N, C-alpha and C. Protein backbone atom coordinates (compact mmCIF):
# COMPACT_ATOMS: atom_id res chain seq x y z
N UNK A 1 20.90 2.82 12.05
CA UNK A 1 19.14 1.81 10.86
C UNK A 1 20.02 0.02 10.89
N UNK A 2 19.69 -0.55 11.75
CA UNK A 2 20.05 -1.98 11.63
C UNK A 2 18.97 -2.50 10.06
N UNK A 3 19.82 -2.68 9.14
CA UNK A 3 18.96 -3.51 7.61
C UNK A 3 19.45 -4.61 7.61
N UNK A 4 18.76 -5.80 6.74
CA UNK A 4 19.28 -6.85 6.51
C UNK A 4 20.23 -6.85 5.60
N UNK A 5 19.88 -5.51 4.30
CA UNK A 5 21.05 -5.41 2.99
C UNK A 5 21.45 -4.08 3.09
N UNK A 6 22.57 -3.39 2.50
CA UNK A 6 22.93 -2.75 1.99
C UNK A 6 22.98 -2.30 0.70
N UNK A 7 22.64 -1.61 -0.07
CA UNK A 7 21.98 -1.23 -0.83
C UNK A 7 22.55 -1.59 -2.19
N UNK A 8 23.58 -2.66 -1.69
CA UNK A 8 24.02 -3.40 -3.35
C UNK A 8 23.12 -4.54 -2.96
N UNK A 9 23.47 -5.02 -1.71
CA UNK A 9 22.89 -6.33 -1.71
C UNK A 9 21.00 -6.17 -1.37
N UNK A 10 20.71 -5.03 -1.06
CA UNK A 10 19.67 -4.64 -1.70
C UNK A 10 18.97 -4.83 -2.90
N UNK A 11 19.61 -4.52 -4.14
CA UNK A 11 19.04 -4.10 -5.76
C UNK A 11 19.73 -5.80 -5.68
N UNK A 12 20.28 -6.43 -5.08
CA UNK A 12 20.26 -8.28 -5.77
C UNK A 12 19.35 -8.58 -5.23
N UNK A 13 18.64 -8.28 -4.27
CA UNK A 13 17.31 -8.82 -3.61
C UNK A 13 16.49 -8.42 -4.31
N UNK A 14 16.15 -7.12 -4.87
CA UNK A 14 15.19 -7.11 -5.37
C UNK A 14 14.94 -7.60 -6.82
N UNK A 15 16.14 -7.64 -7.61
CA UNK A 15 16.22 -8.44 -8.93
C UNK A 15 16.16 -9.88 -8.50
N UNK A 16 16.70 -10.65 -7.56
CA UNK A 16 16.31 -11.72 -7.15
C UNK A 16 14.08 -11.90 -6.69
N UNK A 17 14.21 -10.75 -6.54
CA UNK A 17 12.53 -10.99 -6.46
C UNK A 17 11.81 -11.16 -7.36
N UNK A 18 11.88 -10.07 -7.98
CA UNK A 18 12.12 -9.91 -9.72
C UNK A 18 12.11 -11.08 -10.74
N UNK A 19 13.06 -12.02 -10.32
CA UNK A 19 13.19 -13.42 -10.90
C UNK A 19 12.46 -14.15 -10.86
N UNK A 20 11.99 -14.72 -9.34
CA UNK A 20 11.00 -15.09 -8.63
C UNK A 20 9.88 -15.41 -9.24
N UNK A 21 9.29 -13.81 -9.01
CA UNK A 21 7.97 -13.35 -9.66
C UNK A 21 7.92 -14.14 -11.03
N UNK A 22 9.01 -14.07 -12.34
CA UNK A 22 8.91 -14.43 -13.07
C UNK A 22 8.83 -15.98 -13.59
N UNK A 23 9.62 -16.51 -12.62
CA UNK A 23 9.87 -18.63 -12.28
C UNK A 23 8.63 -18.72 -11.80
N UNK A 24 7.58 -17.83 -11.50
CA UNK A 24 5.90 -18.19 -10.86
C UNK A 24 4.58 -17.70 -11.37
N UNK A 25 5.29 -17.23 -13.08
CA UNK A 25 4.40 -17.04 -13.55
C UNK A 25 3.81 -15.30 -13.80
N UNK A 26 4.58 -14.63 -12.40
CA UNK A 26 4.06 -13.31 -12.52
C UNK A 26 5.79 -12.07 -13.48
N UNK A 27 4.52 -12.01 -14.71
CA UNK A 27 5.74 -10.84 -15.81
C UNK A 27 5.07 -9.86 -15.56
N UNK A 28 4.53 -9.30 -14.72
CA UNK A 28 4.09 -7.97 -14.52
C UNK A 28 5.55 -6.88 -14.77
N UNK A 29 6.79 -7.48 -14.27
CA UNK A 29 7.90 -6.36 -14.60
C UNK A 29 8.27 -6.85 -15.72
N UNK A 30 7.46 -7.09 -16.37
CA UNK A 30 7.78 -6.71 -18.32
C UNK A 30 7.54 -5.54 -18.27
N UNK A 31 6.70 -5.15 -18.00
CA UNK A 31 5.87 -3.75 -18.48
C UNK A 31 5.78 -2.95 -17.46
N UNK A 32 6.05 -2.99 -15.87
CA UNK A 32 5.92 -1.88 -14.64
C UNK A 32 7.18 -2.24 -14.31
N UNK A 33 7.83 -1.33 -14.10
CA UNK A 33 9.59 -1.45 -13.01
C UNK A 33 9.08 -1.37 -11.74
N UNK A 34 9.45 -2.80 -11.43
CA UNK A 34 9.34 -2.99 -9.56
C UNK A 34 10.51 -1.93 -9.22
N UNK A 35 11.62 -2.01 -9.81
CA UNK A 35 12.44 -1.09 -9.00
C UNK A 35 12.19 0.76 -8.95
N UNK A 36 11.63 0.72 -10.32
CA UNK A 36 10.35 1.84 -10.33
C UNK A 36 9.47 2.51 -8.80
N UNK A 37 8.84 1.46 -8.92
CA UNK A 37 7.65 1.41 -7.77
C UNK A 37 8.10 1.22 -6.57
N UNK A 38 9.46 0.96 -6.14
CA UNK A 38 10.50 0.49 -5.04
C UNK A 38 11.24 2.16 -4.42
N UNK A 39 11.75 2.38 -5.67
CA UNK A 39 12.24 4.07 -5.59
C UNK A 39 11.01 5.32 -5.37
N UNK A 40 9.65 4.61 -5.91
CA UNK A 40 8.66 5.41 -5.13
C UNK A 40 8.48 5.33 -4.07
N UNK A 41 8.38 4.35 -3.37
CA UNK A 41 8.24 4.07 -2.21
C UNK A 41 9.38 4.28 -1.40
N UNK A 42 10.61 4.65 -1.52
CA UNK A 42 11.71 4.14 -0.97
C UNK A 42 11.96 4.45 0.56
N UNK A 43 10.96 5.41 1.48
CA UNK A 43 10.93 5.64 2.57
C UNK A 43 9.81 4.63 2.77
N UNK A 44 8.66 4.17 2.53
CA UNK A 44 8.50 3.13 3.32
C UNK A 44 9.07 1.42 2.81
N UNK A 45 9.62 1.60 2.24
CA UNK A 45 10.83 0.38 1.88
C UNK A 45 11.77 0.55 2.67
N UNK A 46 12.52 1.18 3.61
CA UNK A 46 13.36 1.14 4.42
C UNK A 46 12.82 1.10 5.86
N UNK A 47 11.47 1.60 5.59
CA UNK A 47 11.04 1.72 7.13
C UNK A 47 10.43 0.28 7.71
N UNK A 48 9.73 -0.53 5.92
CA UNK A 48 9.51 -2.20 6.66
C UNK A 48 10.47 -3.11 6.98
N UNK A 49 11.97 -2.53 6.23
CA UNK A 49 13.15 -3.35 5.80
C UNK A 49 13.40 -3.69 7.23
N UNK A 50 13.98 -2.02 8.05
CA UNK A 50 13.67 -1.60 9.17
C UNK A 50 12.93 -2.55 10.47
N UNK A 51 12.02 -2.60 10.51
CA UNK A 51 10.69 -3.44 10.99
C UNK A 51 11.37 -4.67 11.22
N UNK A 52 11.21 -4.85 9.47
CA UNK A 52 11.57 -6.64 9.53
C UNK A 52 13.03 -7.33 10.32
N UNK A 53 13.44 -6.24 10.34
CA UNK A 53 15.38 -6.60 10.56
C UNK A 53 15.54 -6.80 12.16
N UNK A 54 14.24 -6.26 12.87
CA UNK A 54 14.54 -6.12 14.58
C UNK A 54 14.56 -7.85 14.55
N UNK A 55 15.78 -7.84 15.71
CA UNK A 55 15.83 -9.10 15.77
C UNK A 55 16.80 -10.25 15.03
N UNK A 56 17.05 -9.46 14.05
CA UNK A 56 17.69 -10.57 13.13
C UNK A 56 18.81 -11.15 13.48
N UNK A 57 19.54 -10.88 14.05
CA UNK A 57 20.87 -11.76 14.65
C UNK A 57 20.21 -12.58 15.92
N UNK A 58 19.35 -12.39 16.63
CA UNK A 58 18.90 -13.06 17.29
C UNK A 58 17.57 -14.30 17.20
N UNK A 59 18.00 -14.24 15.53
CA UNK A 59 16.81 -15.42 15.16
C UNK A 59 15.17 -15.07 15.56
N UNK A 60 14.73 -13.97 15.83
CA UNK A 60 13.65 -13.27 16.26
C UNK A 60 13.24 -12.65 15.82
N UNK A 61 12.88 -12.11 14.32
CA UNK A 61 12.81 -10.99 13.44
C UNK A 61 11.44 -11.57 12.83
N UNK A 62 10.14 -10.40 12.62
CA UNK A 62 8.93 -10.81 12.50
C UNK A 62 9.30 -10.54 10.48
N UNK A 63 9.24 -11.53 9.43
CA UNK A 63 9.17 -10.95 8.26
C UNK A 63 7.98 -10.07 7.68
N UNK A 64 6.71 -10.52 8.41
CA UNK A 64 5.12 -10.15 8.11
C UNK A 64 5.16 -8.87 7.57
N UNK A 65 5.70 -7.74 8.01
CA UNK A 65 5.81 -6.07 7.84
C UNK A 65 6.50 -6.74 6.03
N UNK A 66 7.43 -7.15 6.15
CA UNK A 66 8.09 -7.21 4.79
C UNK A 66 7.26 -7.69 3.97
N UNK A 67 6.89 -8.86 4.09
CA UNK A 67 5.73 -9.34 3.25
C UNK A 67 4.70 -9.15 3.09
N UNK A 68 3.99 -8.41 3.76
CA UNK A 68 3.05 -7.33 3.56
C UNK A 68 3.58 -6.22 2.31
N UNK A 69 4.76 -5.23 2.87
CA UNK A 69 4.85 -4.59 1.80
C UNK A 69 5.29 -5.48 0.30
N UNK A 70 5.99 -6.37 0.14
CA UNK A 70 6.06 -6.77 -1.02
C UNK A 70 4.93 -6.93 -2.02
N UNK A 71 4.14 -7.52 -0.79
CA UNK A 71 2.47 -8.16 -1.47
C UNK A 71 1.62 -7.17 -2.08
N UNK A 72 2.07 -5.60 -1.10
CA UNK A 72 1.37 -4.31 -1.64
C UNK A 72 2.36 -3.91 -2.78
N UNK A 73 3.21 -3.63 -2.90
CA UNK A 73 3.82 -3.42 -4.11
C UNK A 73 3.27 -4.57 -4.96
N UNK A 74 3.28 -5.44 -5.75
CA UNK A 74 2.87 -6.21 -6.81
C UNK A 74 1.52 -6.38 -6.95
N UNK A 75 0.69 -5.97 -5.95
CA UNK A 75 -0.52 -4.91 -6.00
C UNK A 75 -0.70 -3.95 -6.89
N UNK A 76 -0.02 -2.94 -6.41
CA UNK A 76 0.44 -2.09 -7.28
C UNK A 76 0.38 -1.68 -8.35
N UNK A 77 1.82 -3.04 -8.95
CA UNK A 77 2.27 -2.71 -10.34
C UNK A 77 1.46 -3.19 -10.84
N UNK A 78 0.24 -4.12 -10.68
CA UNK A 78 -0.37 -5.38 -11.22
C UNK A 78 -1.57 -4.04 -11.91
N UNK A 79 -1.90 -3.08 -10.23
CA UNK A 79 -2.96 -1.66 -10.66
C UNK A 79 -2.37 -0.86 -11.72
N UNK A 80 -1.15 -0.75 -11.84
CA UNK A 80 -0.89 0.61 -12.98
C UNK A 80 -0.95 -0.61 -14.06
N UNK A 81 -0.76 -1.77 -14.15
CA UNK A 81 -0.56 -2.52 -15.87
C UNK A 81 -1.79 -2.43 -16.09
N UNK A 82 -2.90 -2.36 -15.43
CA UNK A 82 -4.63 -2.59 -15.30
C UNK A 82 -4.88 -1.23 -16.11
N UNK A 83 -4.54 0.02 -15.67
CA UNK A 83 -4.69 1.05 -16.47
C UNK A 83 -3.86 1.56 -17.65
N UNK A 84 -2.90 1.07 -17.98
CA UNK A 84 -2.24 0.98 -19.02
C UNK A 84 -2.83 0.33 -20.03
N UNK A 85 -3.25 -1.20 -19.92
CA UNK A 85 -4.14 -1.65 -20.51
C UNK A 85 -5.24 -1.38 -21.25
N UNK A 86 -5.78 -0.75 -20.27
CA UNK A 86 -6.88 -0.13 -20.97
C UNK A 86 -6.96 1.11 -21.96
N UNK A 87 -5.86 1.61 -21.59
CA UNK A 87 -5.00 2.96 -23.07
C UNK A 87 -4.17 2.03 -23.82
N UNK A 88 -4.00 1.45 -23.91
CA UNK A 88 -2.45 0.92 -25.11
C UNK A 88 -3.16 -0.65 -24.96
N UNK A 89 -3.85 -0.56 -26.67
CA UNK A 89 -4.72 -1.87 -26.91
C UNK A 89 -3.77 -2.90 -27.43
N UNK A 90 -2.36 -2.41 -28.03
CA UNK A 90 -1.33 -3.34 -28.61
C UNK A 90 -0.53 -3.54 -27.50
N UNK A 91 -0.19 -3.21 -26.27
CA UNK A 91 0.47 -3.51 -24.97
C UNK A 91 -0.66 -4.60 -24.83
N UNK A 92 -1.65 -4.68 -24.97
CA UNK A 92 -2.85 -5.79 -24.41
C UNK A 92 -2.63 -7.15 -24.89
N UNK A 93 -2.38 -6.57 -26.73
CA UNK A 93 -2.87 -7.44 -27.20
C UNK A 93 -1.30 -8.51 -27.29
N UNK A 94 -0.16 -8.22 -27.25
CA UNK A 94 1.28 -8.44 -26.64
C UNK A 94 0.95 -9.24 -25.37
N UNK A 95 0.42 -8.76 -24.55
CA UNK A 95 0.26 -9.87 -23.74
C UNK A 95 -0.73 -10.75 -23.67
N UNK A 96 -1.33 -10.92 -24.38
CA UNK A 96 -2.29 -12.00 -24.90
C UNK A 96 -2.10 -12.71 -25.61
N UNK A 97 -1.03 -12.49 -26.35
CA UNK A 97 0.21 -13.56 -26.93
C UNK A 97 1.19 -13.86 -26.26
N UNK A 98 1.74 -13.20 -25.60
CA UNK A 98 2.84 -13.72 -24.33
C UNK A 98 2.81 -14.83 -23.81
N UNK A 99 1.46 -14.51 -23.72
CA UNK A 99 0.98 -15.87 -22.53
C UNK A 99 0.01 -17.29 -23.34
């Protein structure tokens, strides 16, 4: 399997993704672990990484499977946060005060 990142580089890429989200105002990672969600969807993560890396060395890869995966992950963590906030009013208040 050809992959864009080995596991150490993958962890760094996920960390940079999280920091980019924070920098852009998406702070859901403070409450829901994106790493945990990625671990739960590990098979899909690696499959998407492989599909997006086909043609990488020829500069002819398709990044859209990866973008769809990342966006799907972000939607999943926001849905999880929404469920938590329905039951944990103190976290809801913390989130309101944080912003």
